[in-house]
Amino acid sequence: MISRLAELLRNTIEAPDTHLVILREELFLIGQYLAIEQVRFGDRLRVTFDHAQEATEVNVPRLLLQPLVENAIRHGIAPRPEGGEILISSSVDHDTLTVRVLNDCPDPASLDATGNRRMGIGIANTKSRLENLYGKNQHLEIARQPGKFEVTISVPVHHPDGAP
């Protein structure tokens, strides 16, 4: 686990100083992070990836997925004695990249006293970063179903070579 943590930190620190990376690189870092969490949770943590090939070559904000996956584990999987599953998926439709993190979660809804969904720091920071990078051309949606929590992000497609 220490070796995996060192590798994750090394890859994070040695990465180019850029705000955008291709999704494939972001998924590699998430894979390293999940390998560490897998040691911690064992069979209680199940992860599925479902990515369209063209989506993995699109630019995304660096460390876009990390707070979302961390939240999925902390607030969704960890409190459940049986653990649960996280689905991380992406697709491209015309000029829009959609990335989704769907996870099992405890059934009492994460609601405030008025019955509204609370937006935690990780999601609020992600939303702010998306607004700063894409303005109104982005969308972050939170959906809650019994036993499930989903964050869906949609951003314009930008390829590393600048091609649409």
C-alpha atoms as a PDB file:
ATOM      1  CA  MET A   1       0.000   0.000   0.000  1.00  0.00           C
ATOM      2  CA  ILE A   2       2.858   2.382   0.821  1.00  0.00           C
ATOM      3  CA  SER A   3       4.442   1.585  -2.523  1.00  0.00           C
ATOM      4  CA  ARG A   4       1.178   2.360  -4.314  1.00  0.00           C
ATOM      5  CA  LEU A   5       0.783   5.600  -2.386  1.00  0.00           C
ATOM      6  CA  ALA A   6       4.336   6.620  -3.292  1.00  0.00           C
ATOM      7  CA  GLU A   7       3.651   5.868  -6.955  1.00  0.00           C
ATOM      8  CA  LEU A   8       0.429   7.894  -6.896  1.00  0.00           C
ATOM      9  CA  LEU A   9       2.170  10.857  -5.273  1.00  0.00           C
ATOM     10  CA  ARG A  10       5.099  10.630  -7.689  1.00  0.00           C
ATOM     11  CA  ASN A  11       2.780  10.602 -10.709  1.00  0.00           C
ATOM     12  CA  THR A  12       0.783  13.504  -9.326  1.00  0.00           C
ATOM     13  CA  ILE A  13       3.836  15.620  -8.527  1.00  0.00           C
ATOM     14  CA  GLU A  14       5.741  14.806 -11.718  1.00  0.00           C
ATOM     15  CA  ALA A  15       2.779  15.555 -13.972  1.00  0.00           C
ATOM     16  CA  PRO A  16       3.129  18.590 -16.225  1.00  0.00           C
ATOM     17  CA  ASP A  17       1.947  21.846 -14.688  1.00  0.00           C
ATOM     18  CA  THR A  18      -1.257  22.099 -16.689  1.00  0.00           C
ATOM     19  CA  HIS A  19      -4.915  22.514 -15.895  1.00  0.00           C
ATOM     20  CA  LEU A  20      -5.994  19.989 -18.516  1.00  0.00           C
ATOM     21  CA  VAL A  21      -5.027  16.364 -19.169  1.00  0.00           C
ATOM     22  CA  ILE A  22      -6.529  13.750 -21.429  1.00  0.00           C
ATOM     23  CA  LEU A  23      -9.134  11.633 -19.689  1.00  0.00           C
ATOM     24  CA  ARG A  24      -6.989   8.510 -20.168  1.00  0.00           C
ATOM     25  CA  GLU A  25      -4.293  10.058 -17.923  1.00  0.00           C
ATOM     26  CA  GLU A  26      -6.905  11.084 -15.357  1.00  0.00           C
ATOM     27  CA  LEU A  27      -8.231   7.522 -15.335  1.00  0.00           C
ATOM     28  CA  PHE A  28      -4.721   6.177 -14.780  1.00  0.00           C
ATOM     29  CA  LEU A  29      -4.361   8.329 -11.631  1.00  0.00           C
ATOM     30  CA  ILE A  30      -7.821   7.289 -10.438  1.00  0.00           C
ATOM     31  CA  GLY A  31      -6.800   3.682 -10.962  1.00  0.00           C
ATOM     32  CA  GLN A  32      -3.776   4.234  -8.723  1.00  0.00           C
ATOM     33  CA  TYR A  33      -5.947   5.900  -6.075  1.00  0.00           C
ATOM     34  CA  LEU A  34      -8.485   3.069  -6.237  1.00  0.00           C
ATOM     35  CA  ALA A  35      -5.718   0.453  -5.896  1.00  0.00           C
ATOM     36  CA  ILE A  36      -4.851   2.026  -2.538  1.00  0.00           C
ATOM     37  CA  GLU A  37      -8.484   2.081  -1.454  1.00  0.00           C
ATOM     38  CA  GLN A  38      -8.861  -1.520  -2.624  1.00  0.00           C
ATOM     39  CA  VAL A  39      -6.212  -2.558  -0.096  1.00  0.00           C
ATOM     40  CA  ARG A  40      -8.215  -0.767   2.587  1.00  0.00           C
ATOM     41  CA  PHE A  41     -11.684  -2.064   1.632  1.00  0.00           C
ATOM     42  CA  GLY A  42     -10.919  -5.376  -0.073  1.00  0.00           C
ATOM     43  CA  ASP A  43     -14.033  -7.084  -1.450  1.00  0.00           C
ATOM     44  CA  ARG A  44     -16.230  -4.333  -0.017  1.00  0.00           C
ATOM     45  CA  LEU A  45     -15.128  -2.003  -2.847  1.00  0.00           C
ATOM     46  CA  ARG A  46     -16.087  -2.941  -6.372  1.00  0.00           C
ATOM     47  CA  VAL A  47     -15.266  -0.624  -9.270  1.00  0.00           C
ATOM     48  CA  THR A  48     -16.434  -0.745 -12.868  1.00  0.00           C
ATOM     49  CA  PHE A  49     -15.071   1.418 -15.674  1.00  0.00           C
ATOM     50  CA  ASP A  50     -17.079   2.007 -18.848  1.00  0.00           C
ATOM     51  CA  HIS A  51     -15.433   4.466 -21.219  1.00  0.00           C
ATOM     52  CA  ALA A  52     -15.944   5.115 -24.895  1.00  0.00           C
ATOM     53  CA  GLN A  53     -12.551   5.114 -26.633  1.00  0.00           C
ATOM     54  CA  GLU A  54     -13.069   8.581 -28.107  1.00  0.00           C
ATOM     55  CA  ALA A  55     -13.878   9.957 -24.642  1.00  0.00           C
ATOM     56  CA  THR A  56     -10.520   8.863 -23.210  1.00  0.00           C
ATOM     57  CA  GLU A  57      -8.690  11.146 -25.657  1.00  0.00           C
ATOM     58  CA  VAL A  58     -10.545  14.324 -24.650  1.00  0.00           C
ATOM     59  CA  ASN A  59      -9.085  16.986 -22.359  1.00  0.00           C
ATOM     60  CA  VAL A  60     -10.540  17.267 -18.857  1.00  0.00           C
ATOM     61  CA  PRO A  61      -9.537  19.338 -15.844  1.00  0.00           C
ATOM     62  CA  ARG A  62      -6.638  17.706 -14.008  1.00  0.00           C
ATOM     63  CA  LEU A  63      -7.791  15.773 -10.906  1.00  0.00           C
ATOM     64  CA  LEU A  64     -11.428  16.135 -11.953  1.00  0.00           C
ATOM     65  CA  LEU A  65     -12.418  12.660 -10.809  1.00  0.00           C
ATOM     66  CA  GLN A  66     -10.433  12.339  -7.587  1.00  0.00           C
ATOM     67  CA  PRO A  67     -12.767  14.325  -5.281  1.00  0.00           C
ATOM     68  CA  LEU A  68     -15.822  12.641  -6.801  1.00  0.00           C
ATOM     69  CA  VAL A  69     -14.418   9.132  -6.349  1.00  0.00           C
ATOM     70  CA  GLU A  70     -13.154   9.996  -2.868  1.00  0.00           C
ATOM     71  CA  ASN A  71     -16.663  11.203  -1.931  1.00  0.00           C
ATOM     72  CA  ALA A  72     -18.169   8.043  -3.394  1.00  0.00           C
ATOM     73  CA  ILE A  73     -15.953   5.955  -1.129  1.00  0.00           C
ATOM     74  CA  ARG A  74     -16.181   8.119   1.988  1.00  0.00           C
ATOM     75  CA  HIS A  75     -19.904   8.843   1.942  1.00  0.00           C
ATOM     76  CA  GLY A  76     -21.201   5.921  -0.106  1.00  0.00           C
ATOM     77  CA  ILE A  77     -19.144   2.772   0.258  1.00  0.00           C
ATOM     78  CA  ALA A  78     -17.430   3.147   3.665  1.00  0.00           C
ATOM     79  CA  PRO A  79     -20.620   3.502   5.776  1.00  0.00           C
ATOM     80  CA  ARG A  80     -22.162   0.362   4.263  1.00  0.00           C
ATOM     81  CA  PRO A  81     -21.126  -2.863   6.048  1.00  0.00           C
ATOM     82  CA  GLU A  82     -21.475  -4.739   2.761  1.00  0.00           C
ATOM     83  CA  GLY A  83     -19.555  -2.047   0.839  1.00  0.00           C
ATOM     84  CA  GLY A  84     -20.706  -1.310  -2.660  1.00  0.00           C
ATOM     85  CA  GLU A  85     -19.900  -0.523  -6.251  1.00  0.00           C
ATOM     86  CA  ILE A  86     -18.669   2.569  -8.038  1.00  0.00           C
ATOM     87  CA  LEU A  87     -19.243   2.979 -11.767  1.00  0.00           C
ATOM     88  CA  ILE A  88     -17.047   5.511 -13.561  1.00  0.00           C
ATOM     89  CA  SER A  89     -18.091   6.072 -17.161  1.00  0.00           C
ATOM     90  CA  SER A  90     -17.606   8.506 -20.001  1.00  0.00           C
ATOM     91  CA  SER A  91     -18.978   9.105 -23.458  1.00  0.00           C
ATOM     92  CA  VAL A  92     -18.929  11.666 -26.228  1.00  0.00           C
ATOM     93  CA  ASP A  93     -22.054  12.893 -27.941  1.00  0.00           C
ATOM     94  CA  HIS A  94     -21.346  15.349 -30.768  1.00  0.00           C
ATOM     95  CA  ASP A  95     -19.235  18.054 -29.098  1.00  0.00           C
ATOM     96  CA  THR A  96     -19.973  17.161 -25.449  1.00  0.00           C
ATOM     97  CA  LEU A  97     -18.028  14.889 -23.117  1.00  0.00           C
ATOM     98  CA  THR A  98     -20.084  13.349 -20.324  1.00  0.00           C
ATOM     99  CA  VAL A  99     -18.369  11.794 -17.311  1.00  0.00           C
ATOM    100  CA  ARG A 100     -20.386  10.019 -14.659  1.00  0.00           C
ATOM    101  CA  VAL A 101     -19.606   8.663 -11.197  1.00  0.00           C
ATOM    102  CA  LEU A 102     -22.403   6.470  -9.821  1.00  0.00           C
ATOM    103  CA  ASN A 103     -22.051   4.760  -6.462  1.00  0.00           C
ATOM    104  CA  ASP A 104     -23.995   2.742  -3.951  1.00  0.00           C
ATOM    105  CA  CYS A 105     -24.755   4.653  -0.769  1.00  0.00           C
ATOM    106  CA  PRO A 106     -26.637   4.284   2.506  1.00  0.00           C
ATOM    107  CA  ASP A 107     -30.363   4.734   2.139  1.00  0.00           C
ATOM    108  CA  PRO A 108     -31.094   7.689   4.420  1.00  0.00           C
ATOM    109  CA  ALA A 109     -30.785  10.531   1.931  1.00  0.00           C
ATOM    110  CA  SER A 110     -27.998  13.012   2.495  1.00  0.00           C
ATOM    111  CA  LEU A 111     -30.399  15.876   3.002  1.00  0.00           C
ATOM    112  CA  ASP A 112     -30.302  18.992   5.101  1.00  0.00           C
ATOM    113  CA  ALA A 113     -33.069  20.011   7.534  1.00  0.00           C
ATOM    114  CA  THR A 114     -35.157  21.492   4.696  1.00  0.00           C
ATOM    115  CA  GLY A 115     -34.989  18.310   2.629  1.00  0.00           C
ATOM    116  CA  ASN A 116     -32.521  19.680   0.064  1.00  0.00           C
ATOM    117  CA  ARG A 117     -29.433  17.877  -1.154  1.00  0.00           C
ATOM    118  CA  ARG A 118     -26.261  19.111   0.466  1.00  0.00           C
ATOM    119  CA  MET A 119     -23.363  19.870  -1.839  1.00  0.00           C
ATOM    120  CA  GLY A 120     -20.113  18.965  -0.103  1.00  0.00           C
ATOM    121  CA  ILE A 121     -16.776  20.690  -0.504  1.00  0.00           C
ATOM    122  CA  GLY A 122     -15.487  18.235  -3.130  1.00  0.00           C
ATOM    123  CA  ILE A 123     -18.505  18.679  -5.377  1.00  0.00           C
ATOM    124  CA  ALA A 124     -18.671  22.437  -4.778  1.00  0.00           C
ATOM    125  CA  ASN A 125     -14.972  22.806  -5.662  1.00  0.00           C
ATOM    126  CA  THR A 126     -15.444  20.674  -8.771  1.00  0.00           C
ATOM    127  CA  LYS A 127     -18.412  22.798  -9.855  1.00  0.00           C
ATOM    128  CA  SER A 128     -16.409  25.991  -9.285  1.00  0.00           C
ATOM    129  CA  ARG A 129     -13.456  24.664 -11.304  1.00  0.00           C
ATOM    130  CA  LEU A 130     -15.757  23.703 -14.170  1.00  0.00           C
ATOM    131  CA  GLU A 131     -17.387  27.149 -14.146  1.00  0.00           C
ATOM    132  CA  ASN A 132     -13.960  28.828 -14.206  1.00  0.00           C
ATOM    133  CA  LEU A 133     -12.726  26.693 -17.110  1.00  0.00           C
ATOM    134  CA  TYR A 134     -15.879  26.395 -19.226  1.00  0.00           C
ATOM    135  CA  GLY A 135     -18.205  29.173 -18.079  1.00  0.00           C
ATOM    136  CA  LYS A 136     -21.815  28.346 -18.923  1.00  0.00           C
ATOM    137  CA  ASN A 137     -20.695  25.610 -21.330  1.00  0.00           C
ATOM    138  CA  GLN A 138     -20.559  23.016 -18.565  1.00  0.00           C
ATOM    139  CA  HIS A 139     -23.050  21.185 -16.431  1.00  0.00           C
ATOM    140  CA  LEU A 140     -22.716  19.307 -13.135  1.00  0.00           C
ATOM    141  CA  GLU A 141     -25.762  17.382 -12.022  1.00  0.00           C
ATOM    142  CA  ILE A 142     -26.361  15.461  -8.804  1.00  0.00           C
ATOM    143  CA  ALA A 143     -28.989  12.724  -8.781  1.00  0.00           C
ATOM    144  CA  ARG A 144     -30.121  10.672  -5.808  1.00  0.00           C
ATOM    145  CA  GLN A 145     -32.087   7.451  -6.056  1.00  0.00           C
ATOM    146  CA  PRO A 146     -32.733   4.903  -3.318  1.00  0.00           C
ATOM    147  CA  GLY A 147     -29.350   3.394  -2.521  1.00  0.00           C
ATOM    148  CA  LYS A 148     -27.546   5.298  -5.306  1.00  0.00           C
ATOM    149  CA  PHE A 149     -25.779   8.632  -5.708  1.00  0.00           C
ATOM    150  CA  GLU A 150     -24.715   9.985  -9.092  1.00  0.00           C
ATOM    151  CA  VAL A 151     -22.645  12.926 -10.264  1.00  0.00           C
ATOM    152  CA  THR A 152     -22.730  13.685 -13.983  1.00  0.00           C
ATOM    153  CA  ILE A 153     -20.438  16.241 -15.599  1.00  0.00           C
ATOM    154  CA  SER A 154     -20.832  17.515 -19.146  1.00  0.00           C
ATOM    155  CA  VAL A 155     -18.192  19.727 -20.778  1.00  0.00           C
ATOM    156  CA  PRO A 156     -17.328  20.759 -24.333  1.00  0.00           C
ATOM    157  CA  VAL A 157     -15.000  18.395 -26.178  1.00  0.00           C
ATOM    158  CA  HIS A 158     -11.453  19.735 -26.417  1.00  0.00           C
ATOM    159  CA  HIS A 159      -8.782  17.492 -27.851  1.00  0.00           C
ATOM    160  CA  PRO A 160      -5.119  17.845 -26.819  1.00  0.00           C
ATOM    161  CA  ASP A 161      -4.135  18.886 -30.346  1.00  0.00           C
ATOM    162  CA  GLY A 162      -6.719  21.673 -30.296  1.00  0.00           C
ATOM    163  CA  ALA A 163      -8.935  19.937 -32.860  1.00  0.00           C
ATOM    164  CA  PRO A 164     -12.683  20.008 -32.168  1.00  0.00           C
END
